[in-house]
């Protein structure tokens, strides 16, 4: 204690120690959820729980008891963990527009750490991860020291009684509102922890079969396997465009660069003979969790983190199985997966191509290393090398626009150079690999979307045949890119040189061109499978198509 404090009377020193200790504990819990605006916030109101903890220490002091050192450190660890829990809960709401679920989210922490580590670089990543770990240990040590100092200040019974009186008065002030209607003291921590504990139990119950709330969805009837004559045996491609959300169309910050890129994409494909329709579709996820979008398209169910696991234990048919039954070769191309997931077989693809199967040996880009232009080049090579007697159904997952969006790959006009990049100059490499501004990732996000639009346009233009190509986003980008209160919609584009393959989407309200309508009765991704099967179940219905697309809006 500084000398100036030692010269003060003991009650004054004790009061200062208690105030500083309470302030320190309350500062740990200032991160908060802003549920109205779905964002991370700072709430400077003192929390009730730290005050109650100091009141408990005062009661122990009156009883002549003190915390043992090991219990003090344990308590300090629990306090810091509770603060981190509340902090994480606020961050998840801000980034992903949903609440934290430790049962399901904790397994993804290693991947998030890997994302940060690889994006920051080995040395910087190691130093910063080590710094975070040391910071957590330091925070526990500071809290443990503060608890010890508070106990010493409460040792005289008079101090303990006075402290209890102050805590009691503070609790009486809780109902009193401030000018904005909020109470004088915050009461977020205990309800947040109680809710998370209940969610942990519910998650455990669902995943172990004690909660049957998903049973009805899993038992819902499905159309039978059969022919899809309306497709006329043409190839079908479904391309998932990572983090391609409607925010790029609606937010002026992004639309200024995306609108010209979309116009160029449209001009490129129309010059190549494609008809192009566009709409919006509602994703089951926001800011991440791409597999939930993929699975919702494939299964016809709106997947959440529970149902995505439970469905792989069921016998439901998937889009790949329907296509196989209709005589299609089925492949999936997922450059973001380094090894097959345990449930890969459930989805029914005859062949899966993951990162190691694509043979990429070029410079790394983003989290997944492999640029989308190279992936699409390999898709064409793979399709050409397989048995061509049956039409192809391919599901392709693009990754170049995945968080953290940098470095953005260069587009090369010579597709044979996609991977080697011999045509890229040293000056361009310096620009591509320049350290990003981590506080302003909106610019590289837009650049990555522009890159993929250019890549997709060129890929379609040099393809032959009358394939049906469906390009759609998987989810909006994270909250720090999307902003507040964004819808969960993503663009969907449908292209083919055969008008018979386009008409069902026109009849469903898809608009001509690359720019989807801003308003309309947009369906969820879970509706896609059933609508697709109904549209192409028989050729006679296909040939009865209207000659021109019809718009639907409200």
Protein backbone atom coordinates (compact mmCIF):
# COMPACT_ATOMS: atom_id res chain seq x y z
CA UNK A 1 0.00 0.00 0.00
CA UNK A 2 1.51 3.45 -0.90
CA UNK A 3 2.70 5.58 1.98
CA UNK A 4 -0.02 8.20 1.48
CA UNK A 5 -2.61 5.49 2.20
CA UNK A 6 -0.73 4.18 5.22
CA UNK A 7 -0.96 7.65 6.82
CA UNK A 8 -4.76 7.66 6.53
CA UNK A 9 -6.93 6.28 9.32
CA UNK A 10 -7.63 2.55 9.05
CA UNK A 11 -11.35 2.98 8.20
CA UNK A 12 -10.46 5.24 5.26
CA UNK A 13 -7.87 2.76 3.96
CA UNK A 14 -10.38 -0.04 4.34
CA UNK A 15 -13.07 1.93 2.50
CA UNK A 16 -10.68 2.70 -0.38
CA UNK A 17 -9.65 -0.95 -0.59
CA UNK A 18 -13.28 -2.06 -0.71
CA UNK A 19 -14.22 0.51 -3.34
CA UNK A 20 -11.23 -0.37 -5.53
CA UNK A 21 -11.87 -4.11 -5.09
CA UNK A 22 -15.55 -3.74 -5.98
CA UNK A 23 -14.73 -1.54 -8.98
CA UNK A 24 -12.17 -4.07 -10.23
CA UNK A 25 -14.63 -6.96 -9.97
CA UNK A 26 -17.38 -4.95 -11.66
CA UNK A 27 -15.08 -3.94 -14.52
CA UNK A 28 -14.72 -7.60 -15.46
CA UNK A 29 -18.41 -7.72 -16.29
CA UNK A 30 -18.90 -4.52 -18.30
CA UNK A 31 -19.10 -6.43 -21.66
CA UNK A 32 -22.79 -6.97 -22.36
CA UNK A 33 -25.29 -8.03 -25.00
CA UNK A 34 -27.37 -5.38 -26.71
CA UNK A 35 -30.37 -7.56 -27.56
CA UNK A 36 -32.27 -4.72 -29.20
CA UNK A 37 -29.54 -4.04 -31.76
CA UNK A 38 -27.95 -7.54 -31.74
CA UNK A 39 -24.51 -6.23 -30.95
CA UNK A 40 -21.71 -6.19 -28.42
CA UNK A 41 -22.02 -3.37 -25.89
CA UNK A 42 -20.35 -1.93 -22.80
CA UNK A 43 -22.53 -1.47 -19.71
CA UNK A 44 -20.78 0.63 -17.07
CA UNK A 45 -23.38 0.05 -14.36
CA UNK A 46 -21.99 -1.83 -11.32
CA UNK A 47 -23.02 -5.48 -11.30
CA UNK A 48 -24.92 -6.90 -8.34
CA UNK A 49 -22.96 -10.17 -8.23
CA UNK A 50 -19.53 -8.66 -7.33
CA UNK A 51 -21.22 -6.65 -4.56
CA UNK A 52 -22.87 -9.81 -3.26
CA UNK A 53 -19.49 -11.55 -3.28
CA UNK A 54 -18.01 -8.78 -1.14
CA UNK A 55 -21.04 -9.07 1.15
CA UNK A 56 -20.33 -12.80 1.57
CA UNK A 57 -16.72 -11.99 2.49
CA UNK A 58 -18.03 -9.53 5.08
CA UNK A 59 -20.26 -12.24 6.60
CA UNK A 60 -17.29 -14.60 6.76
CA UNK A 61 -15.27 -11.89 8.49
CA UNK A 62 -17.99 -11.45 11.12
CA UNK A 63 -17.89 -15.22 11.66
CA UNK A 64 -14.12 -15.06 12.09
CA UNK A 65 -13.48 -17.09 8.91
CA UNK A 66 -11.21 -16.42 5.94
CA UNK A 67 -10.74 -18.05 2.55
CA UNK A 68 -7.84 -20.46 2.28
CA UNK A 69 -5.28 -19.51 -0.40
CA UNK A 70 -6.25 -22.38 -2.71
CA UNK A 71 -9.95 -21.55 -2.37
CA UNK A 72 -9.23 -17.85 -3.04
CA UNK A 73 -7.43 -18.76 -6.26
CA UNK A 74 -10.22 -21.14 -7.23
CA UNK A 75 -12.79 -18.44 -6.61
CA UNK A 76 -10.74 -15.95 -8.63
CA UNK A 77 -10.56 -18.44 -11.50
CA UNK A 78 -14.33 -18.93 -11.42
CA UNK A 79 -14.89 -15.15 -11.41
CA UNK A 80 -12.65 -14.69 -14.46
CA UNK A 81 -14.29 -17.64 -16.26
CA UNK A 82 -17.74 -16.18 -15.57
CA UNK A 83 -16.57 -12.86 -17.00
CA UNK A 84 -15.16 -14.58 -20.08
CA UNK A 85 -18.39 -16.54 -20.47
CA UNK A 86 -20.42 -13.33 -20.45
CA UNK A 87 -17.94 -11.69 -22.84
CA UNK A 88 -18.16 -14.64 -25.27
CA UNK A 89 -21.96 -14.61 -25.08
CA UNK A 90 -22.00 -10.96 -26.15
CA UNK A 91 -19.46 -11.54 -28.94
CA UNK A 92 -21.34 -14.51 -30.43
CA UNK A 93 -24.56 -12.50 -30.56
CA UNK A 94 -22.73 -9.64 -32.28
CA UNK A 95 -20.90 -11.79 -34.84
CA UNK A 96 -23.36 -14.61 -35.53
CA UNK A 97 -26.77 -13.21 -34.56
CA UNK A 98 -27.40 -16.12 -32.18
CA UNK A 99 -26.71 -17.04 -28.58
CA UNK A 100 -23.66 -18.86 -27.33
CA UNK A 101 -24.00 -22.61 -26.80
CA UNK A 102 -20.94 -23.97 -25.03
CA UNK A 103 -21.92 -27.60 -25.60
CA UNK A 104 -21.81 -27.14 -29.36
CA UNK A 105 -19.45 -24.16 -29.72
CA UNK A 106 -16.51 -25.28 -27.61
CA UNK A 107 -15.45 -27.97 -30.11
CA UNK A 108 -14.96 -25.19 -32.68
CA UNK A 109 -12.53 -23.21 -30.51
CA UNK A 110 -9.44 -25.05 -31.87
CA UNK A 111 -10.53 -24.17 -35.42
CA UNK A 112 -10.99 -20.52 -34.46
CA UNK A 113 -7.55 -20.47 -32.87
CA UNK A 114 -6.13 -22.06 -36.01
CA UNK A 115 -7.89 -19.41 -38.12
CA UNK A 116 -6.32 -16.63 -36.09
CA UNK A 117 -2.92 -18.33 -35.94
CA UNK A 118 -2.72 -18.91 -39.68
CA UNK A 119 -4.06 -15.47 -40.57
CA UNK A 120 -1.64 -13.69 -38.23
CA UNK A 121 1.38 -15.79 -39.16
CA UNK A 122 3.35 -18.28 -37.04
CA UNK A 123 5.38 -15.91 -34.89
CA UNK A 124 2.78 -13.22 -34.44
CA UNK A 125 0.10 -15.84 -33.86
CA UNK A 126 2.18 -17.62 -31.22
CA UNK A 127 3.07 -14.39 -29.44
CA UNK A 128 -0.51 -13.12 -29.37
CA UNK A 129 -2.03 -16.45 -28.31
CA UNK A 130 0.61 -16.72 -25.57
CA UNK A 131 -0.14 -13.13 -24.60
CA UNK A 132 -3.86 -13.93 -24.24
CA UNK A 133 -3.04 -16.95 -22.05
CA UNK A 134 -0.69 -14.94 -19.86
CA UNK A 135 -3.28 -12.18 -19.68
CA UNK A 136 -5.88 -14.63 -18.38
CA UNK A 137 -3.44 -15.91 -15.73
CA UNK A 138 -2.61 -12.32 -14.77
CA UNK A 139 -6.31 -11.48 -14.48
CA UNK A 140 -6.84 -14.44 -12.13
CA UNK A 141 -3.85 -13.35 -10.06
CA UNK A 142 -5.15 -9.77 -9.80
CA UNK A 143 -8.61 -10.96 -8.77
CA UNK A 144 -7.09 -13.31 -6.16
CA UNK A 145 -4.99 -10.44 -4.76
CA UNK A 146 -8.03 -8.15 -4.72
CA UNK A 147 -10.07 -10.75 -2.80
CA UNK A 148 -7.25 -11.07 -0.27
CA UNK A 149 -7.05 -7.28 0.13
CA UNK A 150 -10.81 -7.06 0.63
CA UNK A 151 -10.63 -9.77 3.32
CA UNK A 152 -7.91 -7.86 5.17
CA UNK A 153 -9.94 -4.64 4.98
CA UNK A 154 -12.96 -6.46 6.45
CA UNK A 155 -11.04 -8.03 9.33
CA UNK A 156 -12.31 -5.52 11.94
CA UNK A 157 -15.94 -6.35 12.68
CA UNK A 158 -16.90 -2.68 12.43
CA UNK A 159 -15.65 -2.58 8.86
CA UNK A 160 -17.50 -5.78 7.99
CA UNK A 161 -20.77 -4.47 9.46
CA UNK A 162 -20.41 -1.16 7.61
CA UNK A 163 -19.74 -3.04 4.37
CA UNK A 164 -22.84 -5.17 4.83
CA UNK A 165 -24.88 -2.03 5.34
CA UNK A 166 -23.57 -0.47 2.13
CA UNK A 167 -24.27 -3.67 0.17
CA UNK A 168 -27.82 -3.78 1.59
CA UNK A 169 -28.47 -0.17 0.56
CA UNK A 170 -27.07 -0.87 -2.91
CA UNK A 171 -29.44 -3.80 -3.31
CA UNK A 172 -32.36 -1.61 -2.29
CA UNK A 173 -31.40 0.81 -5.08
CA UNK A 174 -31.66 -1.87 -7.78
CA UNK A 175 -35.30 -1.13 -8.70
CA UNK A 176 -34.67 2.60 -9.01
CA UNK A 177 -34.48 3.57 -12.71
CA UNK A 178 -32.08 5.95 -14.39
CA UNK A 179 -33.19 8.55 -16.92
CA UNK A 180 -33.15 5.98 -19.74
CA UNK A 181 -35.27 3.51 -17.77
CA UNK A 182 -32.40 1.22 -16.83
CA UNK A 183 -31.82 0.29 -13.19
CA UNK A 184 -28.94 1.80 -11.20
CA UNK A 185 -27.22 -1.58 -10.88
CA UNK A 186 -26.75 -4.25 -13.50
CA UNK A 187 -28.00 -7.80 -13.00
CA UNK A 188 -26.75 -9.62 -16.09
CA UNK A 189 -24.20 -12.12 -14.87
CA UNK A 190 -26.32 -14.54 -12.83
CA UNK A 191 -29.17 -14.71 -15.40
CA UNK A 192 -26.66 -15.22 -18.22
CA UNK A 193 -24.88 -18.03 -16.40
CA UNK A 194 -28.17 -19.65 -15.35
CA UNK A 195 -29.47 -19.52 -18.92
CA UNK A 196 -26.23 -20.98 -20.28
CA UNK A 197 -26.30 -23.76 -17.67
CA UNK A 198 -29.88 -24.61 -18.69
CA UNK A 199 -28.81 -24.57 -22.34
CA UNK A 200 -25.94 -26.93 -21.56
CA UNK A 201 -28.34 -29.39 -19.98
CA UNK A 202 -30.83 -29.09 -22.83
CA UNK A 203 -28.07 -29.64 -25.36
CA UNK A 204 -26.87 -32.72 -23.54
CA UNK A 205 -30.44 -34.05 -23.33
CA UNK A 206 -31.06 -33.54 -27.05
CA UNK A 207 -27.80 -35.12 -28.14
CA UNK A 208 -28.27 -38.14 -25.85
CA UNK A 209 -31.87 -38.86 -26.82
CA UNK A 210 -33.62 -37.59 -23.68
CA UNK A 211 -35.22 -34.66 -25.49
CA UNK A 212 -37.25 -35.68 -28.56
CA UNK A 213 -38.12 -32.22 -29.88
CA UNK A 214 -36.52 -33.01 -33.26
CA UNK A 215 -38.20 -36.38 -33.70
CA UNK A 216 -41.08 -35.00 -35.77
CA UNK A 217 -38.75 -33.19 -38.20
CA UNK A 218 -36.63 -36.28 -38.70
CA UNK A 219 -39.73 -38.42 -39.28
CA UNK A 220 -41.33 -36.01 -41.79
CA UNK A 221 -42.26 -37.79 -45.05
CA UNK A 222 -40.13 -37.28 -48.16
CA UNK A 223 -40.84 -37.72 -51.87
CA UNK A 224 -39.84 -41.14 -53.22
CA UNK A 225 -36.65 -41.63 -55.18
CA UNK A 226 -37.25 -41.58 -58.91
CA UNK A 227 -36.56 -40.05 -62.30
CA UNK A 228 -36.03 -36.35 -62.80
CA UNK A 229 -36.91 -36.15 -66.49
CA UNK A 230 -37.35 -32.38 -66.34
CA UNK A 231 -33.57 -32.04 -66.10
CA UNK A 232 -33.29 -33.67 -69.54
CA UNK A 233 -30.11 -35.46 -68.42
CA UNK A 234 -28.17 -32.21 -68.33
CA UNK A 235 -25.40 -31.73 -65.77
CA UNK A 236 -26.34 -29.93 -62.56
CA UNK A 237 -23.97 -27.82 -60.45
CA UNK A 238 -24.71 -26.32 -57.04
CA UNK A 239 -22.05 -23.80 -56.06
CA UNK A 240 -21.94 -22.45 -52.51
CA UNK A 241 -20.44 -18.95 -52.44
CA UNK A 242 -18.85 -18.41 -49.01
CA UNK A 243 -20.14 -15.41 -46.97
CA UNK A 244 -22.04 -14.07 -50.01
CA UNK A 245 -24.87 -12.33 -48.21
CA UNK A 246 -27.40 -9.77 -49.36
CA UNK A 247 -25.59 -7.12 -47.31
CA UNK A 248 -23.32 -6.70 -50.36
CA UNK A 249 -26.39 -5.63 -52.34
CA UNK A 250 -28.14 -3.55 -49.71
CA UNK A 251 -25.35 -1.74 -47.87
CA UNK A 252 -24.11 1.27 -49.89
CA UNK A 253 -20.57 0.75 -48.55
CA UNK A 254 -20.37 -2.55 -50.41
CA UNK A 255 -22.90 -2.14 -53.21
CA UNK A 256 -20.83 0.58 -54.89
CA UNK A 257 -18.24 -2.06 -55.85
CA UNK A 258 -20.42 -5.17 -55.95
CA UNK A 259 -23.06 -3.78 -58.33
CA UNK A 260 -20.53 -3.23 -61.17
CA UNK A 261 -19.03 -6.68 -60.52
CA UNK A 262 -22.49 -8.25 -60.73
CA UNK A 263 -23.21 -6.34 -63.94
CA UNK A 264 -19.94 -7.63 -65.43
CA UNK A 265 -20.80 -11.17 -64.30
CA UNK A 266 -24.20 -10.88 -65.99
CA UNK A 267 -22.73 -9.52 -69.23
CA UNK A 268 -20.12 -12.31 -69.31
CA UNK A 269 -22.57 -15.18 -68.87
CA UNK A 270 -25.24 -13.73 -71.15
CA UNK A 271 -22.66 -13.25 -73.90
CA UNK A 272 -21.82 -16.93 -73.42
CA UNK A 273 -25.46 -17.85 -74.09
CA UNK A 274 -26.81 -18.32 -70.55
CA UNK A 275 -30.14 -17.19 -69.25
CA UNK A 276 -29.74 -15.79 -65.75
CA UNK A 277 -32.33 -15.45 -63.00
CA UNK A 278 -31.77 -14.30 -59.42
CA UNK A 279 -33.58 -14.16 -56.11
CA UNK A 280 -32.93 -14.28 -52.39
CA UNK A 281 -33.13 -17.28 -50.11
CA UNK A 282 -33.07 -17.41 -46.31
CA UNK A 283 -30.09 -19.16 -44.74
CA UNK A 284 -30.45 -21.13 -41.50
CA UNK A 285 -27.27 -19.52 -40.16
CA UNK A 286 -25.60 -16.12 -39.93
CA UNK A 287 -21.94 -15.16 -40.06
CA UNK A 288 -20.65 -18.74 -39.95
CA UNK A 289 -21.74 -22.36 -39.73
CA UNK A 290 -21.67 -22.92 -43.49
CA UNK A 291 -22.38 -26.64 -43.08
CA UNK A 292 -25.86 -25.77 -41.77
CA UNK A 293 -26.65 -24.05 -45.08
CA UNK A 294 -25.18 -26.88 -47.14
CA UNK A 295 -27.10 -29.46 -45.12
CA UNK A 296 -30.39 -27.55 -45.32
CA UNK A 297 -30.19 -27.48 -49.12
CA UNK A 298 -29.26 -31.16 -49.24
CA UNK A 299 -31.75 -32.48 -46.68
CA UNK A 300 -34.85 -30.34 -47.01
CA UNK A 301 -34.77 -29.58 -43.28
CA UNK A 302 -33.84 -26.31 -41.60
CA UNK A 303 -30.75 -27.45 -39.75
CA UNK A 304 -29.47 -26.01 -36.54
CA UNK A 305 -26.46 -27.27 -34.63
CA UNK A 306 -28.52 -30.04 -33.01
CA UNK A 307 -30.38 -31.24 -36.09
CA UNK A 308 -27.20 -31.15 -38.17
CA UNK A 309 -25.82 -33.91 -35.94
CA UNK A 310 -29.00 -35.85 -35.43
CA UNK A 311 -29.86 -36.07 -39.13
CA UNK A 312 -26.66 -37.98 -39.90
CA UNK A 313 -27.94 -40.75 -37.64
CA UNK A 314 -31.21 -40.97 -39.61
CA UNK A 315 -32.16 -42.69 -42.87
CA UNK A 316 -33.42 -39.59 -44.66
CA UNK A 317 -32.75 -39.14 -48.35
CA UNK A 318 -30.57 -36.25 -49.50
CA UNK A 319 -30.27 -34.32 -52.74
CA UNK A 320 -27.25 -36.39 -53.80
CA UNK A 321 -29.22 -39.60 -53.24
CA UNK A 322 -32.14 -38.28 -55.32
CA UNK A 323 -29.75 -37.33 -58.10
CA UNK A 324 -28.03 -40.72 -57.98
CA UNK A 325 -31.42 -42.46 -58.20
CA UNK A 326 -32.16 -40.33 -61.28
CA UNK A 327 -29.03 -41.66 -63.00
CA UNK A 328 -26.49 -38.98 -62.10
CA UNK A 329 -22.85 -39.33 -61.11
CA UNK A 330 -22.60 -37.40 -57.84
CA UNK A 331 -19.50 -35.62 -56.55
CA UNK A 332 -18.76 -33.00 -53.94
CA UNK A 333 -15.76 -30.67 -54.00
CA UNK A 334 -14.89 -29.19 -50.61
CA UNK A 335 -11.44 -27.54 -50.54
CA UNK A 336 -12.09 -26.31 -47.00
CA UNK A 337 -11.97 -29.84 -45.58
CA UNK A 338 -8.55 -31.37 -45.07
CA UNK A 339 -9.92 -34.74 -43.91
CA UNK A 340 -13.34 -36.40 -44.33
CA UNK A 341 -15.82 -35.79 -41.54
CA UNK A 342 -17.15 -38.93 -39.81
CA UNK A 343 -20.62 -38.30 -41.26
CA UNK A 344 -19.48 -37.69 -44.85
CA UNK A 345 -21.06 -40.91 -46.09
CA UNK A 346 -24.54 -39.89 -44.94
CA UNK A 347 -24.88 -37.20 -47.61
CA UNK A 348 -24.66 -39.79 -50.38
CA UNK A 349 -22.02 -38.50 -52.78
CA UNK A 350 -20.32 -41.20 -54.80
CA UNK A 351 -17.02 -39.29 -54.73
CA UNK A 352 -15.72 -36.52 -52.48
CA UNK A 353 -12.76 -34.29 -53.25
CA UNK A 354 -11.21 -32.56 -50.26
CA UNK A 355 -8.18 -30.27 -49.97
CA UNK A 356 -5.62 -33.04 -50.27
CA UNK A 357 -7.35 -34.50 -53.32
CA UNK A 358 -7.04 -31.27 -55.33
CA UNK A 359 -3.25 -31.33 -55.48
CA UNK A 360 -2.74 -27.62 -54.85
CA UNK A 361 0.91 -26.64 -54.37
CA UNK A 362 0.75 -22.90 -54.96
CA UNK A 363 0.91 -19.96 -52.54
CA UNK A 364 -1.60 -20.00 -49.66
CA UNK A 365 -4.61 -17.70 -49.59
CA UNK A 366 -6.90 -17.10 -46.64
CA UNK A 367 -7.66 -19.77 -44.08
CA UNK A 368 -8.01 -22.65 -46.54
CA UNK A 369 -5.02 -21.90 -48.80
CA UNK A 370 -6.67 -23.03 -52.06
CA UNK A 371 -7.98 -20.24 -54.33
CA UNK A 372 -11.40 -20.73 -55.92
CA UNK A 373 -10.13 -20.29 -59.48
CA UNK A 374 -7.87 -23.30 -59.01
CA UNK A 375 -10.74 -25.30 -57.45
CA UNK A 376 -13.03 -24.64 -60.42
CA UNK A 377 -10.22 -25.52 -62.80
CA UNK A 378 -9.81 -28.85 -61.00
CA UNK A 379 -13.59 -29.43 -61.11
CA UNK A 380 -13.47 -29.27 -64.91
CA UNK A 381 -10.48 -31.60 -65.06
CA UNK A 382 -12.15 -34.06 -62.70
CA UNK A 383 -15.45 -34.02 -64.61
CA UNK A 384 -13.62 -34.58 -67.90
CA UNK A 385 -11.70 -37.53 -66.46
CA UNK A 386 -14.77 -39.39 -65.15
CA UNK A 387 -17.15 -41.65 -67.01
CA UNK A 388 -19.19 -39.38 -69.28
CA UNK A 389 -22.01 -41.78 -70.02
CA UNK A 390 -24.10 -40.43 -67.13
CA UNK A 391 -24.83 -36.77 -66.41
CA UNK A 392 -22.94 -35.13 -63.54
CA UNK A 393 -24.29 -33.64 -60.33
CA UNK A 394 -21.58 -31.66 -58.56
CA UNK A 395 -21.73 -29.70 -55.33
CA UNK A 396 -18.88 -27.19 -55.07
CA UNK A 397 -17.97 -25.16 -51.99
CA UNK A 398 -15.98 -21.97 -52.65
CA UNK A 399 -13.74 -20.69 -49.85
CA UNK A 400 -11.81 -17.61 -51.01
CA UNK A 401 -14.37 -15.23 -49.46
CA UNK A 402 -14.15 -16.90 -46.04
CA UNK A 403 -13.15 -14.92 -42.95
CA UNK A 404 -10.56 -13.34 -42.59
CA UNK A 405 -10.82 -12.62 -46.38
CA UNK A 406 -7.08 -11.98 -46.78
CA UNK A 407 -4.97 -12.40 -48.75
CA UNK A 408 -7.34 -12.19 -51.74
CA UNK A 409 -6.12 -14.37 -54.63
CA UNK A 410 -5.30 -12.70 -57.94
CA UNK A 411 -7.50 -13.60 -60.89
CA UNK A 412 -5.45 -14.74 -63.87
CA UNK A 413 -6.83 -14.69 -67.40
CA UNK A 414 -4.88 -17.82 -68.32
CA UNK A 415 -6.64 -20.52 -66.33
CA UNK A 416 -3.76 -22.93 -66.77
CA UNK A 417 -1.75 -20.50 -64.62
CA UNK A 418 -4.26 -20.65 -61.74
CA UNK A 419 -2.14 -22.34 -59.09
CA UNK A 420 1.33 -21.59 -60.43
CA UNK A 421 0.71 -17.85 -60.90
CA UNK A 422 3.74 -17.38 -63.11
CA UNK A 423 2.11 -14.28 -64.60
CA UNK A 424 1.80 -12.48 -61.24
CA UNK A 425 4.56 -9.89 -60.77
CA UNK A 426 6.65 -9.46 -57.58
CA UNK A 427 5.07 -6.04 -57.07
CA UNK A 428 1.61 -7.65 -57.14
CA UNK A 429 2.68 -10.26 -54.58
CA UNK A 430 3.85 -7.50 -52.23
CA UNK A 431 0.44 -5.88 -52.49
CA UNK A 432 -1.44 -9.18 -52.09
CA UNK A 433 0.50 -10.21 -49.00
CA UNK A 434 0.73 -6.75 -47.42
CA UNK A 435 -0.29 -6.87 -43.71
CA UNK A 436 -4.04 -6.16 -43.53
CA UNK A 437 -5.78 -3.63 -41.32
CA UNK A 438 -7.50 -6.04 -38.93
CA UNK A 439 -9.85 -3.29 -37.74
CA UNK A 440 -11.20 -2.70 -41.28
CA UNK A 441 -11.78 -6.00 -43.09
CA UNK A 442 -14.71 -4.70 -45.13
CA UNK A 443 -12.46 -3.78 -48.05
CA UNK A 444 -10.84 -7.23 -48.44
CA UNK A 445 -14.25 -8.84 -47.95
CA UNK A 446 -15.63 -6.90 -50.93
CA UNK A 447 -12.48 -7.65 -52.93
CA UNK A 448 -12.90 -11.38 -52.28
CA UNK A 449 -16.54 -11.28 -53.46
CA UNK A 450 -15.52 -9.36 -56.60
CA UNK A 451 -12.79 -11.95 -57.23
CA UNK A 452 -15.27 -14.82 -57.01
CA UNK A 453 -17.83 -13.11 -59.26
CA UNK A 454 -15.14 -12.59 -61.89
CA UNK A 455 -13.94 -16.17 -61.48
CA UNK A 456 -17.43 -17.66 -61.71
CA UNK A 457 -18.29 -15.59 -64.77
CA UNK A 458 -15.18 -16.73 -66.62
CA UNK A 459 -15.66 -20.35 -65.52
CA UNK A 460 -19.21 -20.42 -66.87
CA UNK A 461 -18.24 -18.66 -70.08
CA UNK A 462 -15.68 -21.27 -71.12
CA UNK A 463 -17.93 -24.23 -70.33
CA UNK A 464 -19.79 -26.14 -73.02
CA UNK A 465 -23.24 -27.70 -72.78
CA UNK A 466 -26.60 -26.83 -71.25
CA UNK A 467 -25.91 -27.52 -67.58
CA UNK A 468 -28.12 -26.12 -64.85
CA UNK A 469 -25.92 -24.06 -62.53
CA UNK A 470 -27.19 -22.79 -59.18
CA UNK A 471 -24.94 -20.33 -57.32
CA UNK A 472 -25.96 -19.20 -53.85
CA UNK A 473 -24.44 -17.72 -50.75
CA UNK A 474 -24.24 -19.83 -47.62
CA UNK A 475 -24.77 -17.01 -45.08
CA UNK A 476 -24.22 -13.34 -44.45
CA UNK A 477 -20.69 -12.32 -43.43
CA UNK A 478 -20.01 -11.96 -39.67
CA UNK A 479 -21.54 -9.11 -37.74
CA UNK A 480 -18.43 -6.92 -37.85
CA UNK A 481 -18.91 -6.85 -41.64
CA UNK A 482 -22.70 -7.10 -41.93
CA UNK A 483 -23.66 -4.57 -39.28
CA UNK A 484 -26.74 -4.56 -37.10
CA UNK A 485 -30.11 -6.22 -37.68
CA UNK A 486 -29.37 -7.71 -41.08
CA UNK A 487 -31.75 -10.33 -42.49
CA UNK A 488 -30.48 -13.88 -42.92
CA UNK A 489 -30.92 -13.74 -46.70
CA UNK A 490 -28.35 -14.59 -49.36
CA UNK A 491 -28.43 -14.15 -53.15
CA UNK A 492 -29.20 -17.15 -55.36
CA UNK A 493 -28.49 -17.18 -59.11
CA UNK A 494 -29.77 -19.78 -61.59
CA UNK A 495 -28.20 -20.17 -65.03
CA UNK A 496 -28.56 -22.42 -68.06
CA UNK A 497 -28.46 -22.25 -71.83
CA UNK A 498 -31.57 -24.44 -71.89
CA UNK A 499 -34.71 -22.37 -71.10
CA UNK A 500 -36.56 -25.50 -69.96
CA UNK A 501 -34.24 -25.71 -66.95
CA UNK A 502 -34.83 -22.07 -66.03
CA UNK A 503 -38.61 -21.84 -66.17
CA UNK A 504 -39.42 -23.39 -62.74
CA UNK A 505 -37.39 -20.67 -61.07
CA UNK A 506 -39.04 -17.98 -63.16
CA UNK A 507 -42.42 -19.36 -62.16
CA UNK A 508 -41.31 -19.18 -58.51
CA UNK A 509 -40.63 -15.44 -58.81
CA UNK A 510 -36.93 -15.28 -59.66
CA UNK A 511 -36.07 -12.06 -61.50
CA UNK A 512 -34.15 -11.72 -64.76
CA UNK A 513 -30.52 -10.73 -64.42
CA UNK A 514 -27.94 -10.89 -61.65
CA UNK A 515 -29.61 -8.44 -59.25
CA UNK A 516 -32.28 -10.20 -57.14
CA UNK A 517 -35.43 -8.34 -56.11
CA UNK A 518 -35.10 -6.60 -52.78
CA UNK A 519 -38.56 -7.51 -51.52
CA UNK A 520 -40.58 -10.67 -51.85
CA UNK A 521 -41.81 -13.79 -50.14
CA UNK A 522 -38.37 -15.37 -49.86
CA UNK A 523 -38.26 -19.00 -48.80
CA UNK A 524 -35.79 -20.75 -46.54
CA UNK A 525 -33.07 -23.06 -47.84
CA UNK A 526 -34.98 -25.99 -46.37
CA UNK A 527 -37.63 -25.52 -49.10
CA UNK A 528 -35.15 -25.96 -51.94
CA UNK A 529 -35.03 -29.76 -52.08
CA UNK A 530 -38.78 -30.30 -52.24
CA UNK A 531 -39.27 -27.47 -54.78
CA UNK A 532 -36.43 -28.80 -56.93
CA UNK A 533 -37.82 -32.35 -56.97
CA UNK A 534 -41.33 -31.16 -57.80
CA UNK A 535 -40.06 -28.89 -60.59
CA UNK A 536 -38.08 -31.56 -62.41
CA UNK A 537 -39.96 -34.74 -61.57
CA UNK A 538 -41.39 -35.11 -65.10
CA UNK A 539 -40.49 -33.77 -68.50
CA UNK A 540 -44.05 -32.99 -69.57
CA UNK A 541 -44.34 -30.38 -66.83
CA UNK A 542 -41.02 -28.89 -67.90
CA UNK A 543 -42.10 -28.51 -71.51
CA UNK A 544 -45.28 -26.74 -70.40
CA UNK A 545 -43.17 -23.87 -69.10
CA UNK A 546 -44.18 -20.23 -69.61
CA UNK A 547 -42.16 -18.51 -72.32
CA UNK A 548 -41.11 -15.53 -70.21
CA UNK A 549 -40.23 -15.23 -66.54
CA UNK A 550 -42.72 -13.65 -64.20
CA UNK A 551 -41.73 -11.43 -61.30
CA UNK A 552 -43.14 -11.68 -57.84
CA UNK A 553 -42.73 -8.93 -55.28
CA UNK A 554 -44.68 -7.21 -52.61
